[in-house]
């Protein structure tokens, strides 16, 4: 007598294939994450007066200041430019991370990425 309900024959093989695909995707995501962490992202503010470099690990690597932006009477502007440049560099890194992970996951949301 045939069983009703459940999965038709062949499901265990399909499940194994699905698991293999998930494991492959996980390895690819780990490799991509490592590659992204090794990258550096540059951004500037104030027409290039402030340039920063951040790493994919969310670490500030360097800051370059143009002489004309260093005004002891207007330190607040310099601070704002540094913040703007750092935030833009993080946005660039986040965007690249999201794009790289979307390629691996086929656009499935919430998988991988740094969450900058």
Protein backbone atom coordinates (compact mmCIF):
# COMPACT_ATOMS: atom_id res chain seq x y z
CA UNK A 1 0.00 0.00 0.00
CA UNK A 2 1.42 3.37 -1.01
CA UNK A 3 2.07 5.98 1.65
CA UNK A 4 0.23 9.24 1.36
CA UNK A 5 1.92 12.55 2.07
CA UNK A 6 5.60 13.05 2.60
CA UNK A 7 8.05 13.64 -0.19
CA UNK A 8 8.07 11.71 -3.44
CA UNK A 9 11.06 9.48 -4.14
CA UNK A 10 14.38 11.10 -4.86
CA UNK A 11 14.17 13.79 -2.19
CA UNK A 12 17.21 12.59 -0.21
CA UNK A 13 19.40 13.06 -3.30
CA UNK A 14 17.97 16.52 -3.89
CA UNK A 15 18.56 17.38 -0.25
CA UNK A 16 22.19 16.30 -0.55
CA UNK A 17 22.62 18.49 -3.63
CA UNK A 18 21.03 21.41 -1.81
CA UNK A 19 23.37 20.93 1.15
CA UNK A 20 26.40 20.76 -1.15
CA UNK A 21 25.30 23.97 -2.88
CA UNK A 22 24.81 25.69 0.49
CA UNK A 23 28.27 24.59 1.64
CA UNK A 24 29.82 25.78 -1.63
CA UNK A 25 28.07 29.15 -1.27
CA UNK A 26 29.27 29.44 2.32
CA UNK A 27 32.89 28.77 1.26
CA UNK A 28 32.59 31.34 -1.54
CA UNK A 29 31.16 33.89 0.88
CA UNK A 30 34.00 33.27 3.35
CA UNK A 31 36.59 33.67 0.58
CA UNK A 32 34.91 36.83 -0.69
CA UNK A 33 34.76 38.25 2.84
CA UNK A 34 38.49 37.63 3.30
CA UNK A 35 39.22 39.32 -0.03
CA UNK A 36 37.07 42.32 0.88
CA UNK A 37 38.79 42.63 4.26
CA UNK A 38 42.15 42.89 2.49
CA UNK A 39 41.00 45.74 0.27
CA UNK A 40 41.42 49.43 0.94
CA UNK A 41 38.87 52.11 0.09
CA UNK A 42 39.70 55.76 -0.52
CA UNK A 43 37.37 58.74 -0.27
CA UNK A 44 37.80 62.48 -0.04
CA UNK A 45 35.91 65.54 1.13
CA UNK A 46 36.23 69.27 0.63
CA UNK A 47 37.19 68.93 -3.01
CA UNK A 48 40.08 66.64 -2.12
CA UNK A 49 41.31 68.70 0.84
CA UNK A 50 40.87 65.65 3.06
CA UNK A 51 41.55 62.16 1.78
CA UNK A 52 41.16 59.01 3.86
CA UNK A 53 41.83 55.33 3.35
CA UNK A 54 39.92 52.66 5.27
CA UNK A 55 40.29 48.90 5.20
CA UNK A 56 37.61 46.30 4.64
CA UNK A 57 37.97 45.50 8.33
CA UNK A 58 36.54 48.94 9.17
CA UNK A 59 39.90 50.35 10.22
CA UNK A 60 41.11 53.83 9.34
CA UNK A 61 44.41 53.32 7.51
CA UNK A 62 45.49 56.87 6.68
CA UNK A 63 44.45 60.52 6.45
CA UNK A 64 45.97 63.09 4.08
CA UNK A 65 45.30 66.78 4.61
CA UNK A 66 45.96 69.59 2.17
CA UNK A 67 47.84 72.45 3.82
CA UNK A 68 45.10 74.97 3.09
CA UNK A 69 42.56 72.98 5.10
CA UNK A 70 44.63 73.19 8.28
CA UNK A 71 43.36 76.45 9.75
CA UNK A 72 43.82 76.80 13.54
CA UNK A 73 40.92 79.27 13.55
CA UNK A 74 38.53 76.76 11.93
CA UNK A 75 39.24 73.37 13.45
CA UNK A 76 35.55 72.45 13.31
CA UNK A 77 35.56 72.54 9.50
CA UNK A 78 38.55 70.19 9.40
CA UNK A 79 36.85 67.82 11.81
CA UNK A 80 33.69 67.82 9.69
CA UNK A 81 35.67 67.12 6.53
CA UNK A 82 37.46 64.19 8.16
CA UNK A 83 34.17 62.71 9.37
CA UNK A 84 32.60 63.17 5.92
CA UNK A 85 35.53 61.52 4.16
CA UNK A 86 35.66 58.57 6.56
CA UNK A 87 31.90 57.99 6.30
CA UNK A 88 32.07 58.11 2.50
CA UNK A 89 34.92 55.57 2.46
CA UNK A 90 32.85 53.25 4.66
CA UNK A 91 29.86 53.68 2.33
CA UNK A 92 32.03 52.70 -0.64
CA UNK A 93 33.32 49.62 1.22
CA UNK A 94 29.80 48.64 2.29
CA UNK A 95 28.44 49.03 -1.22
CA UNK A 96 31.18 46.85 -2.69
CA UNK A 97 30.59 44.24 0.02
CA UNK A 98 26.86 44.16 -0.64
CA UNK A 99 27.39 43.88 -4.40
CA UNK A 100 29.91 41.06 -4.01
CA UNK A 101 27.65 39.09 -1.69
CA UNK A 102 24.59 39.68 -3.89
CA UNK A 103 26.48 38.08 -6.79
CA UNK A 104 27.10 34.99 -4.67
CA UNK A 105 23.64 34.71 -3.17
CA UNK A 106 21.70 35.64 -6.27
CA UNK A 107 20.19 38.61 -4.45
CA UNK A 108 18.98 36.69 -1.40
CA UNK A 109 18.83 39.32 1.32
CA UNK A 110 20.52 39.10 4.69
CA UNK A 111 23.32 36.74 3.73
CA UNK A 112 26.91 37.79 4.26
CA UNK A 113 28.28 41.29 4.11
CA UNK A 114 29.94 43.41 6.78
CA UNK A 115 26.98 45.44 7.91
CA UNK A 116 28.88 48.73 7.88
